[in-house]
């Protein structure tokens, strides 16, 4: 079963460890050992997280001698941001309409009861 890139990216981003790995890679390329350093999990567990991120297209891994540096791929995050932007605009416009409605209600004078 083939999953679309957005679903793969969102699934990968659902895990806090993978988000922390991406945050680390935002600072620059790193080896698996460098990535694993701050985590209290095994190296194979970090490798599995990296595989998920790589499958989602969020990172790439290259080979330099015995090292396999990992690099953030911002284009994959751009597709997530574009998808989220639709909902950002939707909610912003909805809140603007609600603010306008509340302001209208506040400006209405209450009718006098007879």
PDB file of N, CA and C in Angstrom:
ATOM      1  N   UNK A   1       0.840  -1.179   0.000  1.00  0.00           N
ATOM      2  CA  UNK A   1       0.000   0.000   0.000  1.00  0.00           C
ATOM      3  C   UNK A   1       0.887   1.245   0.000  1.00  0.00           C
ATOM      4  N   UNK A   2       0.711   2.098  -0.985  1.00  0.00           N
ATOM      5  CA  UNK A   2       1.490   3.325  -1.078  1.00  0.00           C
ATOM      6  C   UNK A   2       0.760   4.431  -0.316  1.00  0.00           C
ATOM      7  N   UNK A   3       1.506   5.127   0.510  1.00  0.00           N
ATOM      8  CA  UNK A   3       0.931   6.226   1.283  1.00  0.00           C
ATOM      9  C   UNK A   3       1.428   7.536   0.684  1.00  0.00           C
ATOM     10  N   UNK A   4       0.582   8.540   0.672  1.00  0.00           N
ATOM     11  CA  UNK A   4       0.971   9.827   0.094  1.00  0.00           C
ATOM     12  C   UNK A   4       2.022  10.508   0.966  1.00  0.00           C
ATOM     13  N   UNK A   5       2.844  11.379   0.376  1.00  0.00           N
ATOM     14  CA  UNK A   5       3.940  12.028   1.111  1.00  0.00           C
ATOM     15  C   UNK A   5       3.487  12.823   2.329  1.00  0.00           C
ATOM     16  N   UNK A   6       2.361  13.505   2.229  1.00  0.00           N
ATOM     17  CA  UNK A   6       1.887  14.286   3.373  1.00  0.00           C
ATOM     18  C   UNK A   6       1.556  13.378   4.553  1.00  0.00           C
ATOM     19  N   UNK A   7       0.881  12.268   4.285  1.00  0.00           N
ATOM     20  CA  UNK A   7       0.549  11.330   5.372  1.00  0.00           C
ATOM     21  C   UNK A   7       1.804  10.747   6.001  1.00  0.00           C
ATOM     22  N   UNK A   8       2.800  10.413   5.175  1.00  0.00           N
ATOM     23  CA  UNK A   8       4.061   9.896   5.712  1.00  0.00           C
ATOM     24  C   UNK A   8       4.734  10.941   6.601  1.00  0.00           C
ATOM     25  N   UNK A   9       4.759  12.185   6.133  1.00  0.00           N
ATOM     26  CA  UNK A   9       5.405  13.247   6.913  1.00  0.00           C
ATOM     27  C   UNK A   9       4.677  13.481   8.228  1.00  0.00           C
ATOM     28  N   UNK A  10       3.345  13.574   8.182  1.00  0.00           N
ATOM     29  CA  UNK A  10       2.587  13.818   9.415  1.00  0.00           C
ATOM     30  C   UNK A  10       2.736  12.665  10.394  1.00  0.00           C
ATOM     31  N   UNK A  11       2.756  11.445   9.880  1.00  0.00           N
ATOM     32  CA  UNK A  11       2.944  10.277  10.742  1.00  0.00           C
ATOM     33  C   UNK A  11       4.328  10.323  11.405  1.00  0.00           C
ATOM     34  N   UNK A  12       5.335  10.673  10.630  1.00  0.00           N
ATOM     35  CA  UNK A  12       6.688  10.764  11.180  1.00  0.00           C
ATOM     36  C   UNK A  12       6.778  11.866  12.232  1.00  0.00           C
ATOM     37  N   UNK A  13       6.092  12.974  11.986  1.00  0.00           N
ATOM     38  CA  UNK A  13       6.135  14.105  12.916  1.00  0.00           C
ATOM     39  C   UNK A  13       5.317  13.875  14.183  1.00  0.00           C
ATOM     40  N   UNK A  14       4.504  12.829  14.193  1.00  0.00           N
ATOM     41  CA  UNK A  14       3.657  12.547  15.358  1.00  0.00           C
ATOM     42  C   UNK A  14       4.470  12.127  16.580  1.00  0.00           C
ATOM     43  N   UNK A  15       5.696  11.688  16.375  1.00  0.00           N
ATOM     44  CA  UNK A  15       6.515  11.188  17.480  1.00  0.00           C
ATOM     45  C   UNK A  15       7.449  12.281  18.002  1.00  0.00           C
ATOM     46  N   UNK A  16       7.445  12.544  19.320  1.00  0.00           N
ATOM     47  CA  UNK A  16       8.288  13.610  19.869  1.00  0.00           C
ATOM     48  C   UNK A  16       9.790  13.374  19.687  1.00  0.00           C
ATOM     49  N   UNK A  17      10.232  12.124  19.700  1.00  0.00           N
ATOM     50  CA  UNK A  17      11.657  11.843  19.487  1.00  0.00           C
ATOM     51  C   UNK A  17      12.054  12.227  18.077  1.00  0.00           C
ATOM     52  N   UNK A  18      11.202  11.910  17.106  1.00  0.00           N
ATOM     53  CA  UNK A  18      11.518  12.266  15.722  1.00  0.00           C
ATOM     54  C   UNK A  18      11.494  13.781  15.527  1.00  0.00           C
ATOM     55  N   UNK A  19      10.581  14.473  16.205  1.00  0.00           N
ATOM     56  CA  UNK A  19      10.580  15.939  16.118  1.00  0.00           C
ATOM     57  C   UNK A  19      11.862  16.501  16.728  1.00  0.00           C
ATOM     58  N   UNK A  20      12.327  15.917  17.810  1.00  0.00           N
ATOM     59  CA  UNK A  20      13.583  16.368  18.441  1.00  0.00           C
ATOM     60  C   UNK A  20      14.773  16.098  17.515  1.00  0.00           C
ATOM     61  N   UNK A  21      14.750  14.986  16.817  1.00  0.00           N
ATOM     62  CA  UNK A  21      15.815  14.675  15.853  1.00  0.00           C
ATOM     63  C   UNK A  21      15.811  15.730  14.743  1.00  0.00           C
ATOM     64  N   UNK A  22      14.640  16.078  14.243  1.00  0.00           N
ATOM     65  CA  UNK A  22      14.560  17.109  13.198  1.00  0.00           C
ATOM     66  C   UNK A  22      15.076  18.450  13.712  1.00  0.00           C
ATOM     67  N   UNK A  23      14.749  18.772  14.966  1.00  0.00           N
ATOM     68  CA  UNK A  23      15.237  20.023  15.550  1.00  0.00           C
ATOM     69  C   UNK A  23      16.767  20.013  15.600  1.00  0.00           C
ATOM     70  N   UNK A  24      17.340  18.881  15.951  1.00  0.00           N
ATOM     71  CA  UNK A  24      18.802  18.762  15.983  1.00  0.00           C
ATOM     72  C   UNK A  24      19.380  18.944  14.585  1.00  0.00           C
ATOM     73  N   UNK A  25      18.747  18.317  13.590  1.00  0.00           N
ATOM     74  CA  UNK A  25      19.258  18.402  12.224  1.00  0.00           C
ATOM     75  C   UNK A  25      19.050  19.785  11.607  1.00  0.00           C
ATOM     76  N   UNK A  26      18.148  20.580  12.167  1.00  0.00           N
ATOM     77  CA  UNK A  26      17.973  21.951  11.696  1.00  0.00           C
ATOM     78  C   UNK A  26      19.246  22.763  11.950  1.00  0.00           C
ATOM     79  N   UNK A  27      20.052  22.334  12.916  1.00  0.00           N
ATOM     80  CA  UNK A  27      21.313  23.008  13.229  1.00  0.00           C
ATOM     81  C   UNK A  27      22.443  22.561  12.304  1.00  0.00           C
ATOM     82  N   UNK A  28      22.211  21.505  11.522  1.00  0.00           N
ATOM     83  CA  UNK A  28      23.227  21.017  10.592  1.00  0.00           C
ATOM     84  C   UNK A  28      23.294  19.505  10.576  1.00  0.00           C
ATOM     85  N   UNK A  29      24.044  18.992   9.605  1.00  0.00           N
ATOM     86  CA  UNK A  29      24.207  17.541   9.463  1.00  0.00           C
ATOM     87  C   UNK A  29      24.772  16.936  10.740  1.00  0.00           C
ATOM     88  N   UNK A  30      24.432  15.659  10.963  1.00  0.00           N
ATOM     89  CA  UNK A  30      24.945  14.960  12.147  1.00  0.00           C
ATOM     90  C   UNK A  30      24.989  13.466  11.858  1.00  0.00           C
ATOM     91  N   UNK A  31      25.896  12.791  12.532  1.00  0.00           N
ATOM     92  CA  UNK A  31      25.965  11.339  12.427  1.00  0.00           C
ATOM     93  C   UNK A  31      24.927  10.718  13.356  1.00  0.00           C
ATOM     94  N   UNK A  32      24.687   9.437  13.184  1.00  0.00           N
ATOM     95  CA  UNK A  32      23.731   8.741  14.042  1.00  0.00           C
ATOM     96  C   UNK A  32      24.161   8.842  15.501  1.00  0.00           C
ATOM     97  N   UNK A  33      25.452   8.679  15.767  1.00  0.00           N
ATOM     98  CA  UNK A  33      25.940   8.780  17.152  1.00  0.00           C
ATOM     99  C   UNK A  33      25.702  10.168  17.735  1.00  0.00           C
ATOM    100  N   UNK A  34      25.927  11.205  16.934  1.00  0.00           N
ATOM    101  CA  UNK A  34      25.689  12.572  17.408  1.00  0.00           C
ATOM    102  C   UNK A  34      24.205  12.804  17.675  1.00  0.00           C
ATOM    103  N   UNK A  35      23.367  12.261  16.810  1.00  0.00           N
ATOM    104  CA  UNK A  35      21.918  12.407  16.988  1.00  0.00           C
ATOM    105  C   UNK A  35      21.461  11.659  18.234  1.00  0.00           C
ATOM    106  N   UNK A  36      22.022  10.473  18.464  1.00  0.00           N
ATOM    107  CA  UNK A  36      21.596   9.618  19.572  1.00  0.00           C
ATOM    108  C   UNK A  36      22.037  10.139  20.937  1.00  0.00           C
ATOM    109  N   UNK A  37      23.076  10.950  20.955  1.00  0.00           N
ATOM    110  CA  UNK A  37      23.686  11.386  22.212  1.00  0.00           C
ATOM    111  C   UNK A  37      22.714  11.891  23.280  1.00  0.00           C
ATOM    112  N   UNK A  38      21.798  12.806  22.976  1.00  0.00           N
ATOM    113  CA  UNK A  38      20.939  13.330  24.056  1.00  0.00           C
ATOM    114  C   UNK A  38      19.782  12.412  24.457  1.00  0.00           C
ATOM    115  N   UNK A  39      19.570  11.329  23.731  1.00  0.00           N
ATOM    116  CA  UNK A  39      18.413  10.469  23.989  1.00  0.00           C
ATOM    117  C   UNK A  39      18.782   9.288  24.874  1.00  0.00           C
ATOM    118  N   UNK A  40      17.845   8.903  25.697  1.00  0.00           N
ATOM    119  CA  UNK A  40      18.031   7.747  26.566  1.00  0.00           C
ATOM    120  C   UNK A  40      17.402   6.515  25.911  1.00  0.00           C
ATOM    121  N   UNK A  41      17.770   6.296  24.644  1.00  0.00           N
ATOM    122  CA  UNK A  41      17.289   5.126  23.910  1.00  0.00           C
ATOM    123  C   UNK A  41      18.477   4.499  23.184  1.00  0.00           C
ATOM    124  N   UNK A  42      18.309   3.283  22.759  1.00  0.00           N
ATOM    125  CA  UNK A  42      19.413   2.564  22.121  1.00  0.00           C
ATOM    126  C   UNK A  42      19.710   3.118  20.731  1.00  0.00           C
ATOM    127  N   UNK A  43      20.904   2.841  20.239  1.00  0.00           N
ATOM    128  CA  UNK A  43      21.297   3.228  18.896  1.00  0.00           C
ATOM    129  C   UNK A  43      20.382   2.602  17.836  1.00  0.00           C
ATOM    130  N   UNK A  44      20.024   1.307  17.984  1.00  0.00           N
ATOM    131  CA  UNK A  44      19.082   0.738  17.016  1.00  0.00           C
ATOM    132  C   UNK A  44      17.721   1.452  17.020  1.00  0.00           C
ATOM    133  N   UNK A  45      17.267   1.908  18.184  1.00  0.00           N
ATOM    134  CA  UNK A  45      15.998   2.644  18.251  1.00  0.00           C
ATOM    135  C   UNK A  45      16.121   3.977  17.509  1.00  0.00           C
ATOM    136  N   UNK A  46      17.247   4.662  17.685  1.00  0.00           N
ATOM    137  CA  UNK A  46      17.473   5.916  16.958  1.00  0.00           C
ATOM    138  C   UNK A  46      17.503   5.633  15.460  1.00  0.00           C
ATOM    139  N   UNK A  47      18.152   4.558  15.060  1.00  0.00           N
ATOM    140  CA  UNK A  47      18.209   4.185  13.646  1.00  0.00           C
ATOM    141  C   UNK A  47      16.822   3.928  13.076  1.00  0.00           C
ATOM    142  N   UNK A  48      15.955   3.319  13.863  1.00  0.00           N
ATOM    143  CA  UNK A  48      14.574   3.090  13.397  1.00  0.00           C
ATOM    144  C   UNK A  48      13.841   4.419  13.211  1.00  0.00           C
ATOM    145  N   UNK A  49      14.040   5.351  14.152  1.00  0.00           N
ATOM    146  CA  UNK A  49      13.434   6.677  14.005  1.00  0.00           C
ATOM    147  C   UNK A  49      13.949   7.358  12.738  1.00  0.00           C
ATOM    148  N   UNK A  50      15.251   7.245  12.498  1.00  0.00           N
ATOM    149  CA  UNK A  50      15.839   7.855  11.310  1.00  0.00           C
ATOM    150  C   UNK A  50      15.271   7.240  10.032  1.00  0.00           C
ATOM    151  N   UNK A  51      15.038   5.946  10.053  1.00  0.00           N
ATOM    152  CA  UNK A  51      14.465   5.261   8.888  1.00  0.00           C
ATOM    153  C   UNK A  51      13.065   5.802   8.589  1.00  0.00           C
ATOM    154  N   UNK A  52      12.267   6.034   9.629  1.00  0.00           N
ATOM    155  CA  UNK A  52      10.920   6.592   9.445  1.00  0.00           C
ATOM    156  C   UNK A  52      11.019   7.989   8.836  1.00  0.00           C
ATOM    157  N   UNK A  53      11.923   8.802   9.360  1.00  0.00           N
ATOM    158  CA  UNK A  53      12.105  10.154   8.847  1.00  0.00           C
ATOM    159  C   UNK A  53      12.596  10.139   7.401  1.00  0.00           C
ATOM    160  N   UNK A  54      13.472   9.185   7.098  1.00  0.00           N
ATOM    161  CA  UNK A  54      13.998   9.062   5.738  1.00  0.00           C
ATOM    162  C   UNK A  54      12.906   8.595   4.773  1.00  0.00           C
ATOM    163  N   UNK A  55      12.104   7.635   5.180  1.00  0.00           N
ATOM    164  CA  UNK A  55      11.003   7.144   4.348  1.00  0.00           C
ATOM    165  C   UNK A  55      10.000   8.263   4.064  1.00  0.00           C
ATOM    166  N   UNK A  56       9.807   9.140   5.041  1.00  0.00           N
ATOM    167  CA  UNK A  56       8.887  10.266   4.876  1.00  0.00           C
ATOM    168  C   UNK A  56       9.505  11.391   4.041  1.00  0.00           C
ATOM    169  N   UNK A  57      10.784  11.273   3.723  1.00  0.00           N
ATOM    170  CA  UNK A  57      11.457  12.297   2.935  1.00  0.00           C
ATOM    171  C   UNK A  57      11.893  13.502   3.741  1.00  0.00           C
ATOM    172  N   UNK A  58      11.801  13.402   5.071  1.00  0.00           N
ATOM    173  CA  UNK A  58      12.158  14.527   5.935  1.00  0.00           C
ATOM    174  C   UNK A  58      13.663  14.665   6.133  1.00  0.00           C
ATOM    175  N   UNK A  59      14.390  13.553   5.949  1.00  0.00           N
ATOM    176  CA  UNK A  59      15.849  13.584   6.049  1.00  0.00           C
ATOM    177  C   UNK A  59      16.437  12.744   4.923  1.00  0.00           C
ATOM    178  N   UNK A  60      17.714  12.954   4.668  1.00  0.00           N
ATOM    179  CA  UNK A  60      18.472  12.072   3.782  1.00  0.00           C
ATOM    180  C   UNK A  60      19.715  11.631   4.539  1.00  0.00           C
ATOM    181  N   UNK A  61      20.202  10.466   4.146  1.00  0.00           N
ATOM    182  CA  UNK A  61      21.446   9.967   4.726  1.00  0.00           C
ATOM    183  C   UNK A  61      22.415   9.707   3.587  1.00  0.00           C
ATOM    184  N   UNK A  62      23.651  10.148   3.772  1.00  0.00           N
ATOM    185  CA  UNK A  62      24.684   9.907   2.767  1.00  0.00           C
ATOM    186  C   UNK A  62      25.753   9.023   3.381  1.00  0.00           C
ATOM    187  N   UNK A  63      26.717   8.671   2.574  1.00  0.00           N
ATOM    188  CA  UNK A  63      27.806   7.834   3.085  1.00  0.00           C
ATOM    189  C   UNK A  63      29.125   8.562   2.845  1.00  0.00           C
ATOM    190  N   UNK A  64      29.860   8.760   3.922  1.00  0.00           N
ATOM    191  CA  UNK A  64      31.205   9.333   3.854  1.00  0.00           C
ATOM    192  C   UNK A  64      32.111   8.404   4.651  1.00  0.00           C
ATOM    193  N   UNK A  65      32.880   7.589   3.924  1.00  0.00           N
ATOM    194  CA  UNK A  65      33.714   6.541   4.550  1.00  0.00           C
ATOM    195  C   UNK A  65      32.809   5.663   5.410  1.00  0.00           C
ATOM    196  N   UNK A  66      33.106   5.538   6.710  1.00  0.00           N
ATOM    197  CA  UNK A  66      32.269   4.707   7.586  1.00  0.00           C
ATOM    198  C   UNK A  66      31.115   5.490   8.199  1.00  0.00           C
ATOM    199  N   UNK A  67      31.033   6.800   7.941  1.00  0.00           N
ATOM    200  CA  UNK A  67      29.989   7.649   8.525  1.00  0.00           C
ATOM    201  C   UNK A  67      28.772   7.726   7.614  1.00  0.00           C
ATOM    202  N   UNK A  68      27.623   7.874   8.234  1.00  0.00           N
ATOM    203  CA  UNK A  68      26.382   8.084   7.487  1.00  0.00           C
ATOM    204  C   UNK A  68      25.705   9.336   8.009  1.00  0.00           C
ATOM    205  N   UNK A  69      26.201  10.509   7.597  1.00  0.00           N
ATOM    206  CA  UNK A  69      25.600  11.739   8.113  1.00  0.00           C
ATOM    207  C   UNK A  69      24.150  11.901   7.647  1.00  0.00           C
ATOM    208  N   UNK A  70      23.360  12.474   8.522  1.00  0.00           N
ATOM    209  CA  UNK A  70      21.948  12.728   8.234  1.00  0.00           C
ATOM    210  C   UNK A  70      21.759  14.220   8.020  1.00  0.00           C
ATOM    211  N   UNK A  71      20.848  14.556   7.114  1.00  0.00           N
ATOM    212  CA  UNK A  71      20.616  15.951   6.762  1.00  0.00           C
ATOM    213  C   UNK A  71      19.115  16.194   6.666  1.00  0.00           C
ATOM    214  N   UNK A  72      18.671  17.316   7.192  1.00  0.00           N
ATOM    215  CA  UNK A  72      17.277  17.719   7.111  1.00  0.00           C
ATOM    216  C   UNK A  72      16.931  18.064   5.667  1.00  0.00           C
ATOM    217  N   UNK A  73      15.749  17.664   5.226  1.00  0.00           N
ATOM    218  CA  UNK A  73      15.251  17.993   3.887  1.00  0.00           C
ATOM    219  C   UNK A  73      14.058  18.937   4.044  1.00  0.00           C
ATOM    220  N   UNK A  74      14.305  20.243   4.002  1.00  0.00           N
ATOM    221  CA  UNK A  74      13.241  21.208   4.293  1.00  0.00           C
ATOM    222  C   UNK A  74      12.079  21.177   3.303  1.00  0.00           C
ATOM    223  N   UNK A  75      12.288  20.706   2.074  1.00  0.00           N
ATOM    224  CA  UNK A  75      11.204  20.681   1.096  1.00  0.00           C
ATOM    225  C   UNK A  75      10.036  19.820   1.574  1.00  0.00           C
ATOM    226  N   UNK A  76      10.323  18.718   2.253  1.00  0.00           N
ATOM    227  CA  UNK A  76       9.249  17.858   2.773  1.00  0.00           C
ATOM    228  C   UNK A  76       8.452  18.581   3.851  1.00  0.00           C
ATOM    229  N   UNK A  77       9.122  19.387   4.653  1.00  0.00           N
ATOM    230  CA  UNK A  77       8.428  20.171   5.668  1.00  0.00           C
ATOM    231  C   UNK A  77       7.610  21.285   5.026  1.00  0.00           C
ATOM    232  N   UNK A  78       8.056  21.764   3.879  1.00  0.00           N
ATOM    233  CA  UNK A  78       7.318  22.806   3.168  1.00  0.00           C
ATOM    234  C   UNK A  78       5.936  22.302   2.760  1.00  0.00           C
ATOM    235  N   UNK A  79       5.841  21.050   2.340  1.00  0.00           N
ATOM    236  CA  UNK A  79       4.532  20.512   1.954  1.00  0.00           C
ATOM    237  C   UNK A  79       3.596  20.428   3.159  1.00  0.00           C
ATOM    238  N   UNK A  80       4.135  20.104   4.322  1.00  0.00           N
ATOM    239  CA  UNK A  80       3.324  20.092   5.550  1.00  0.00           C
ATOM    240  C   UNK A  80       2.874  21.508   5.885  1.00  0.00           C
ATOM    241  N   UNK A  81       3.798  22.464   5.764  1.00  0.00           N
ATOM    242  CA  UNK A  81       3.466  23.856   6.054  1.00  0.00           C
ATOM    243  C   UNK A  81       2.389  24.380   5.106  1.00  0.00           C
ATOM    244  N   UNK A  82       2.474  24.020   3.836  1.00  0.00           N
ATOM    245  CA  UNK A  82       1.458  24.458   2.867  1.00  0.00           C
ATOM    246  C   UNK A  82       0.092  23.882   3.219  1.00  0.00           C
ATOM    247  N   UNK A  83       0.061  22.632   3.642  1.00  0.00           N
ATOM    248  CA  UNK A  83      -1.194  22.008   4.027  1.00  0.00           C
ATOM    249  C   UNK A  83      -1.768  22.703   5.267  1.00  0.00           C
ATOM    250  N   UNK A  84      -0.900  22.978   6.231  1.00  0.00           N
ATOM    251  CA  UNK A  84      -1.339  23.645   7.456  1.00  0.00           C
ATOM    252  C   UNK A  84      -1.763  25.090   7.195  1.00  0.00           C
ATOM    253  N   UNK A  85      -1.163  25.728   6.203  1.00  0.00           N
ATOM    254  CA  UNK A  85      -1.475  27.115   5.909  1.00  0.00           C
ATOM    255  C   UNK A  85      -2.954  27.313   5.572  1.00  0.00           C
ATOM    256  N   UNK A  86      -3.539  26.353   4.874  1.00  0.00           N
ATOM    257  CA  UNK A  86      -4.968  26.426   4.568  1.00  0.00           C
ATOM    258  C   UNK A  86      -5.776  26.548   5.857  1.00  0.00           C
ATOM    259  N   UNK A  87      -5.451  25.717   6.841  1.00  0.00           N
ATOM    260  CA  UNK A  87      -6.191  25.734   8.104  1.00  0.00           C
ATOM    261  C   UNK A  87      -5.840  26.957   8.943  1.00  0.00           C
ATOM    262  N   UNK A  88      -4.622  27.447   8.857  1.00  0.00           N
ATOM    263  CA  UNK A  88      -4.234  28.681   9.530  1.00  0.00           C
ATOM    264  C   UNK A  88      -5.111  29.834   9.037  1.00  0.00           C
ATOM    265  N   UNK A  89      -5.238  29.928   7.711  1.00  0.00           N
ATOM    266  CA  UNK A  89      -6.063  30.999   7.128  1.00  0.00           C
ATOM    267  C   UNK A  89      -7.527  30.810   7.518  1.00  0.00           C
ATOM    268  N   UNK A  90      -8.015  29.561   7.459  1.00  0.00           N
ATOM    269  CA  UNK A  90      -9.406  29.279   7.817  1.00  0.00           C
ATOM    270  C   UNK A  90      -9.698  29.763   9.230  1.00  0.00           C
ATOM    271  N   UNK A  91      -8.860  29.363  10.197  1.00  0.00           N
ATOM    272  CA  UNK A  91      -9.111  29.745  11.586  1.00  0.00           C
ATOM    273  C   UNK A  91      -8.930  31.233  11.802  1.00  0.00           C
ATOM    274  N   UNK A  92      -7.947  31.824  11.151  1.00  0.00           N
ATOM    275  CA  UNK A  92      -7.737  33.264  11.294  1.00  0.00           C
ATOM    276  C   UNK A  92      -8.953  34.032  10.783  1.00  0.00           C
ATOM    277  N   UNK A  93      -9.446  33.642   9.615  1.00  0.00           N
ATOM    278  CA  UNK A  93     -10.633  34.298   9.063  1.00  0.00           C
ATOM    279  C   UNK A  93     -11.859  34.044   9.943  1.00  0.00           C
ATOM    280  N   UNK A  94     -11.991  32.853  10.476  1.00  0.00           N
ATOM    281  CA  UNK A  94     -13.117  32.540  11.366  1.00  0.00           C
ATOM    282  C   UNK A  94     -13.068  33.398  12.626  1.00  0.00           C
ATOM    283  N   UNK A  95     -11.888  33.541  13.209  1.00  0.00           N
ATOM    284  CA  UNK A  95     -11.757  34.361  14.412  1.00  0.00           C
ATOM    285  C   UNK A  95     -11.997  35.838  14.091  1.00  0.00           C
ATOM    286  N   UNK A  96     -11.557  36.283  12.920  1.00  0.00           N
ATOM    287  CA  UNK A  96     -11.824  37.674  12.528  1.00  0.00           C
ATOM    288  C   UNK A  96     -13.322  37.923  12.422  1.00  0.00           C
ATOM    289  N   UNK A  97     -14.049  36.963  11.815  1.00  0.00           N
ATOM    290  CA  UNK A  97     -15.507  37.107  11.698  1.00  0.00           C
ATOM    291  C   UNK A  97     -16.160  37.099  13.084  1.00  0.00           C
ATOM    292  N   UNK A  98     -15.675  36.232  13.973  1.00  0.00           N
ATOM    293  CA  UNK A  98     -16.225  36.171  15.317  1.00  0.00           C
ATOM    294  C   UNK A  98     -15.950  37.475  16.064  1.00  0.00           C
ATOM    295  N   UNK A  99     -14.736  38.021  15.932  1.00  0.00           N
ATOM    296  CA  UNK A  99     -14.414  39.304  16.574  1.00  0.00           C
ATOM    297  C   UNK A  99     -15.328  40.414  16.066  1.00  0.00           C
ATOM    298  N   UNK A 100     -15.569  40.429  14.763  1.00  0.00           N
ATOM    299  CA  UNK A 100     -16.452  41.446  14.188  1.00  0.00           C
ATOM    300  C   UNK A 100     -17.873  41.293  14.722  1.00  0.00           C
ATOM    301  N   UNK A 101     -18.330  40.064  14.851  1.00  0.00           N
ATOM    302  CA  UNK A 101     -19.676  39.802  15.363  1.00  0.00           C
ATOM    303  C   UNK A 101     -19.791  40.232  16.829  1.00  0.00           C
ATOM    304  N   UNK A 102     -18.793  39.924  17.623  1.00  0.00           N
ATOM    305  CA  UNK A 102     -18.803  40.319  19.043  1.00  0.00           C
ATOM    306  C   UNK A 102     -18.787  41.840  19.167  1.00  0.00           C
ATOM    307  N   UNK A 103     -17.983  42.502  18.346  1.00  0.00           N
ATOM    308  CA  UNK A 103     -17.942  43.965  18.369  1.00  0.00           C
ATOM    309  C   UNK A 103     -19.296  44.539  17.987  1.00  0.00           C
ATOM    310  N   UNK A 104     -19.957  43.922  17.012  1.00  0.00           N
ATOM    311  CA  UNK A 104     -21.287  44.362  16.603  1.00  0.00           C
ATOM    312  C   UNK A 104     -22.283  44.206  17.749  1.00  0.00           C
ATOM    313  N   UNK A 105     -22.210  43.081  18.452  1.00  0.00           N
ATOM    314  CA  UNK A 105     -23.107  42.854  19.586  1.00  0.00           C
ATOM    315  C   UNK A 105     -22.868  43.868  20.705  1.00  0.00           C
ATOM    316  N   UNK A 106     -21.622  44.196  20.943  1.00  0.00           N
ATOM    317  CA  UNK A 106     -21.297  45.167  21.998  1.00  0.00           C
ATOM    318  C   UNK A 106     -21.794  46.563  21.647  1.00  0.00           C
ATOM    319  N   UNK A 107     -21.813  46.892  20.372  1.00  0.00           N
ATOM    320  CA  UNK A 107     -22.233  48.228  19.934  1.00  0.00           C
ATOM    321  C   UNK A 107     -23.743  48.379  19.885  1.00  0.00           C
ATOM    322  N   UNK A 108     -24.461  47.290  19.886  1.00  0.00           N
ATOM    323  CA  UNK A 108     -25.924  47.371  19.876  1.00  0.00           C
ATOM    324  C   UNK A 108     -26.396  47.803  21.252  1.00  0.00           C
ATOM    325  N   UNK A 109     -27.324  48.736  21.246  1.00  0.00           N
ATOM    326  CA  UNK A 109     -27.881  49.197  22.528  1.00  0.00           C
ATOM    327  C   UNK A 109     -29.025  48.239  22.901  1.00  0.00           C
ATOM    328  N   UNK A 110     -29.091  47.867  24.142  1.00  0.00           N
ATOM    329  CA  UNK A 110     -30.178  46.988  24.546  1.00  0.00           C
ATOM    330  C   UNK A 110     -31.518  47.715  24.435  1.00  0.00           C
ATOM    331  N   UNK A 111     -32.520  47.022  23.983  1.00  0.00           N
ATOM    332  CA  UNK A 111     -33.850  47.606  23.843  1.00  0.00           C
ATOM    333  C   UNK A 111     -34.459  47.754  25.237  1.00  0.00           C
ATOM    334  N   UNK A 112     -35.214  48.855  25.403  1.00  0.00           N
ATOM    335  CA  UNK A 112     -35.873  49.095  26.693  1.00  0.00           C
ATOM    336  C   UNK A 112     -37.113  48.207  26.786  1.00  0.00           C
ATOM    337  N   UNK A 113     -37.310  47.638  27.956  1.00  0.00           N
ATOM    338  CA  UNK A 113     -38.490  46.809  28.177  1.00  0.00           C
ATOM    339  C   UNK A 113     -39.654  47.716  28.554  1.00  0.00           C
ATOM    340  N   UNK A 114     -40.811  47.413  28.042  1.00  0.00           N
ATOM    341  CA  UNK A 114     -41.996  48.214  28.340  1.00  0.00           C
ATOM    342  C   UNK A 114     -42.823  47.584  29.417  1.00  0.00           C
TER     343      UNK A 114
END
